[in-house]
Protein backbone atom coordinates (compact mmCIF):
# COMPACT_ATOMS: atom_id res chain seq x y z
CA MET A 1 97.47 89.43 126.70
CA PRO A 2 97.87 89.41 122.94
CA VAL A 3 99.08 92.75 121.65
CA TYR A 4 98.12 94.25 118.32
CA ALA A 5 100.35 97.07 117.17
CA TYR A 6 99.86 99.02 113.98
CA TYR A 7 102.90 98.67 111.74
CA PRO A 8 104.70 101.85 110.62
CA ARG A 9 103.55 101.29 107.04
CA GLU A 10 99.95 101.03 108.24
CA ILE A 11 100.25 104.30 110.15
CA ALA A 12 101.55 106.08 107.03
CA GLN A 13 98.76 104.60 104.89
CA ILE A 14 95.98 105.38 107.38
CA LEU A 15 97.12 108.99 107.71
CA VAL A 16 97.15 109.43 103.93
CA LEU A 17 93.66 107.90 103.73
CA ARG A 18 92.37 110.34 106.34
CA ALA A 19 93.93 113.26 104.48
CA ALA A 20 92.50 112.06 101.16
CA ARG A 21 88.89 111.69 102.34
CA GLY A 22 86.68 114.15 100.50
CA LEU A 23 89.37 115.37 98.10
CA ASP A 24 88.73 115.53 94.36
CA LEU A 25 91.15 114.04 91.82
CA GLU A 26 92.92 117.35 91.19
CA GLN A 27 93.57 117.81 94.91
CA VAL A 28 94.79 114.20 95.23
CA GLN A 29 97.15 114.72 92.30
CA GLY A 30 98.48 117.86 94.03
CA ARG A 31 99.13 115.84 97.19
CA LEU A 32 100.76 113.12 95.07
CA LYS A 33 103.11 115.71 93.53
CA THR A 34 103.97 117.04 97.00
CA ALA A 35 104.62 113.49 98.27
CA LEU A 36 106.91 112.79 95.30
CA GLU A 37 108.86 116.01 95.93
CA HIS A 38 109.19 115.10 99.62
CA GLU A 39 110.41 111.59 98.73
CA GLU A 40 113.01 113.06 96.35
CA LEU A 41 114.25 115.47 99.06
CA VAL A 42 114.57 112.64 101.57
CA LEU A 43 116.35 110.50 98.99
CA ALA A 44 118.87 113.30 98.33
CA ALA A 45 119.59 113.71 102.08
CA PRO A 46 122.08 111.52 103.97
CA GLN A 47 120.46 108.13 104.55
CA GLU A 48 119.66 106.68 107.95
CA ASP A 49 120.73 103.22 109.00
CA GLY A 50 118.24 100.81 110.43
CA LYS A 51 114.98 99.05 109.84
CA LEU A 52 112.82 102.17 109.65
CA THR A 53 113.98 105.29 107.85
CA ALA A 54 112.58 108.62 106.70
CA LEU A 55 112.89 107.30 103.14
CA ASP A 56 110.63 104.35 103.99
CA ILE A 57 107.98 106.70 105.39
CA ALA A 58 108.16 109.11 102.45
CA SER A 59 108.00 106.19 100.00
CA TRP A 60 104.96 104.65 101.70
CA GLN A 61 103.14 107.97 101.65
CA HIS A 62 104.00 108.63 98.01
CA THR A 63 102.90 105.12 97.03
CA GLU A 64 99.59 105.52 98.86
CA TRP A 65 98.83 108.87 97.20
CA ALA A 66 99.65 107.32 93.80
CA ARG A 67 97.39 104.35 94.53
CA ILE A 68 94.51 106.63 95.55
CA ALA A 69 94.89 108.73 92.38
CA HIS A 70 94.83 105.53 90.33
CA VAL A 71 91.72 104.22 92.12
CA MET A 72 89.90 107.52 91.67
CA THR A 73 90.69 107.54 87.96
CA LYS A 74 89.80 103.88 87.46
CA GLN A 75 86.53 104.08 89.42
CA ASN A 76 85.60 107.54 88.11
CA MET A 77 85.29 108.95 91.65
CA THR A 78 84.47 112.64 91.94
CA VAL A 79 85.68 112.69 95.56
CA TYR A 80 87.67 110.07 97.41
CA THR A 81 85.88 107.95 100.00
CA PRO A 82 87.87 105.12 101.58
CA GLU A 83 84.69 103.03 101.94
CA ASP A 84 84.53 102.75 98.12
CA ASP A 85 88.17 101.64 97.90
CA PHE A 86 88.53 97.84 97.69
CA ARG A 87 92.15 97.89 98.93
CA VAL A 88 91.19 99.82 102.08
CA THR A 89 88.45 97.29 102.83
CA ARG A 90 90.88 94.42 102.29
CA ARG A 91 93.47 95.98 104.62
CA ALA A 92 90.83 96.37 107.34
CA GLU A 93 89.92 92.69 106.92
CA GLU A 94 93.59 91.69 107.18
CA ARG A 95 94.00 93.74 110.39
CA ALA A 96 90.88 92.09 111.83
CA GLN A 97 92.28 88.67 110.89
CA ARG A 98 95.56 89.47 112.66
CA ARG A 99 93.58 90.31 115.80
CA VAL A 100 91.62 87.05 115.52
CA THR A 101 94.85 85.10 115.08
CA GLU A 102 96.31 86.71 118.22
CA ALA A 103 93.12 86.02 120.20
CA THR A 104 93.07 82.38 119.00
CA TRP A 105 96.70 81.91 120.00
CA ASP A 106 95.92 83.40 123.41
CA GLU A 107 92.92 81.09 123.85
CA GLN A 108 94.99 78.03 122.91
CA SER A 109 97.67 79.00 125.41
CA GLY A 110 95.05 78.88 128.17
CA SER A 111 94.54 82.52 129.02
CA ILE A 112 91.65 84.37 127.46
CA LEU A 113 92.35 88.07 127.63
CA PRO A 114 91.24 90.93 125.39
CA VAL A 115 93.53 92.07 122.61
CA GLU A 116 95.37 95.25 123.55
CA VAL A 117 95.79 97.71 120.69
CA LEU A 118 98.97 99.73 120.99
CA ARG A 119 98.96 103.22 119.53
CA HIS A 120 102.63 103.51 118.63
CA ARG A 121 104.16 106.50 116.92
CA ILE A 122 107.23 106.94 114.78
CA TYR A 123 109.96 109.11 116.31
CA ARG A 124 113.12 110.47 114.71
CA VAL A 125 116.00 110.60 117.19
CA THR A 126 119.04 112.73 116.42
CA ALA A 127 122.28 112.15 118.31
CA ARG A 128 125.23 114.51 118.28
CA PRO A 129 128.80 113.27 118.69
CA THR A 130 130.99 114.61 121.47
CA THR A 131 133.92 114.71 119.07
CA ALA A 132 133.86 116.83 115.92
CA GLU A 133 135.07 114.06 113.59
CA GLU A 134 132.14 111.72 114.26
CA PRO A 135 129.04 112.18 112.05
CA LEU A 136 125.58 113.21 113.24
CA VAL A 137 123.37 110.13 113.75
CA ILE A 138 119.68 110.04 112.88
CA HIS A 139 117.44 107.01 113.43
CA SER A 140 113.69 106.48 113.26
CA PHE A 141 112.04 104.31 115.90
CA PHE A 142 108.57 102.81 116.21
CA ALA A 143 107.67 103.36 119.87
CA SER A 144 104.83 104.09 122.26
CA SER A 145 106.40 107.32 123.55
CA ALA A 146 109.32 109.68 123.03
CA GLY A 147 110.92 108.21 126.17
CA LYS A 148 110.77 104.70 124.71
CA ALA A 149 112.30 105.96 121.45
CA VAL A 150 115.19 107.44 123.45
CA GLU A 151 115.61 104.11 125.28
CA PHE A 152 115.81 102.30 121.92
CA ALA A 153 118.40 104.80 120.65
CA GLU A 154 120.52 104.51 123.78
CA ALA A 155 120.37 100.71 123.57
CA LEU A 156 121.56 100.97 119.96
CA PHE A 157 124.56 103.04 121.05
CA ARG A 158 125.46 100.63 123.87
CA ARG A 159 124.96 97.41 121.90
CA PRO A 160 128.14 95.31 121.64
CA GLY A 161 129.71 95.58 118.22
CA SER A 162 127.80 98.75 117.41
CA ARG A 163 129.62 101.08 115.09
CA TYR A 164 128.60 103.92 117.42
CA GLN A 165 130.73 102.62 120.28
CA ARG A 166 133.78 104.32 118.79
CA GLY A 167 132.57 107.73 119.88
CA GLU A 168 130.33 109.18 122.50
CA TYR A 169 126.91 110.37 121.38
CA ARG A 170 124.24 112.29 123.23
CA ILE A 171 120.61 112.59 122.22
CA ALA A 172 120.07 116.03 120.73
CA SER A 173 116.42 115.83 119.70
CA VAL A 174 113.40 113.55 119.54
CA GLU A 175 110.72 114.42 116.99
CA GLN A 176 107.44 112.63 116.41
CA VAL A 177 107.28 111.97 112.67
CA LEU A 178 104.03 110.01 112.34
CA PRO A 179 101.31 110.70 113.04
CA GLU A 180 102.11 114.33 112.39
CA SER A 181 101.30 116.92 115.00
CA GLY A 182 97.55 117.40 115.18
CA ASP A 183 96.69 114.01 113.67
CA PHE A 184 94.74 111.71 115.95
CA PHE A 185 95.53 108.05 115.68
């Protein structure tokens, strides 16, 4: 069965679009300012290693708020509606094309099954060292559940050649970062 998973960047963009719907330009600019302040705070904090980081998420959200403010100004929108935003329409078309590509590949391989859409979330996993001299470790993972995120973190710690093999770490917390609590995705 072909699997379509939303990418972390797409999740961040979709959540900003949902939050922006119905806002006027002044409200969007307020959200843009808040997103910039959040990005600056994350940038000042110790940086995570890995493919997906809190800085990536904050940057995507800030960029999307800036893009929406620009579109509203350029198109003279009084309130933001994603349906009037060309970029949003184009992204939806690209997602549909990815699904078609997966379905075509599945058909060519001889098994015609429906495309499964995975509703992954982004989790931040914090691991504490058992020895005082080792630093706290924070990683963000794109996973279907908190349990899967923990599995990914534990695999990272056990991986041969991992810099974390020097010390023992235990998972201290798992926090869902996106979508935020209360957001339906």
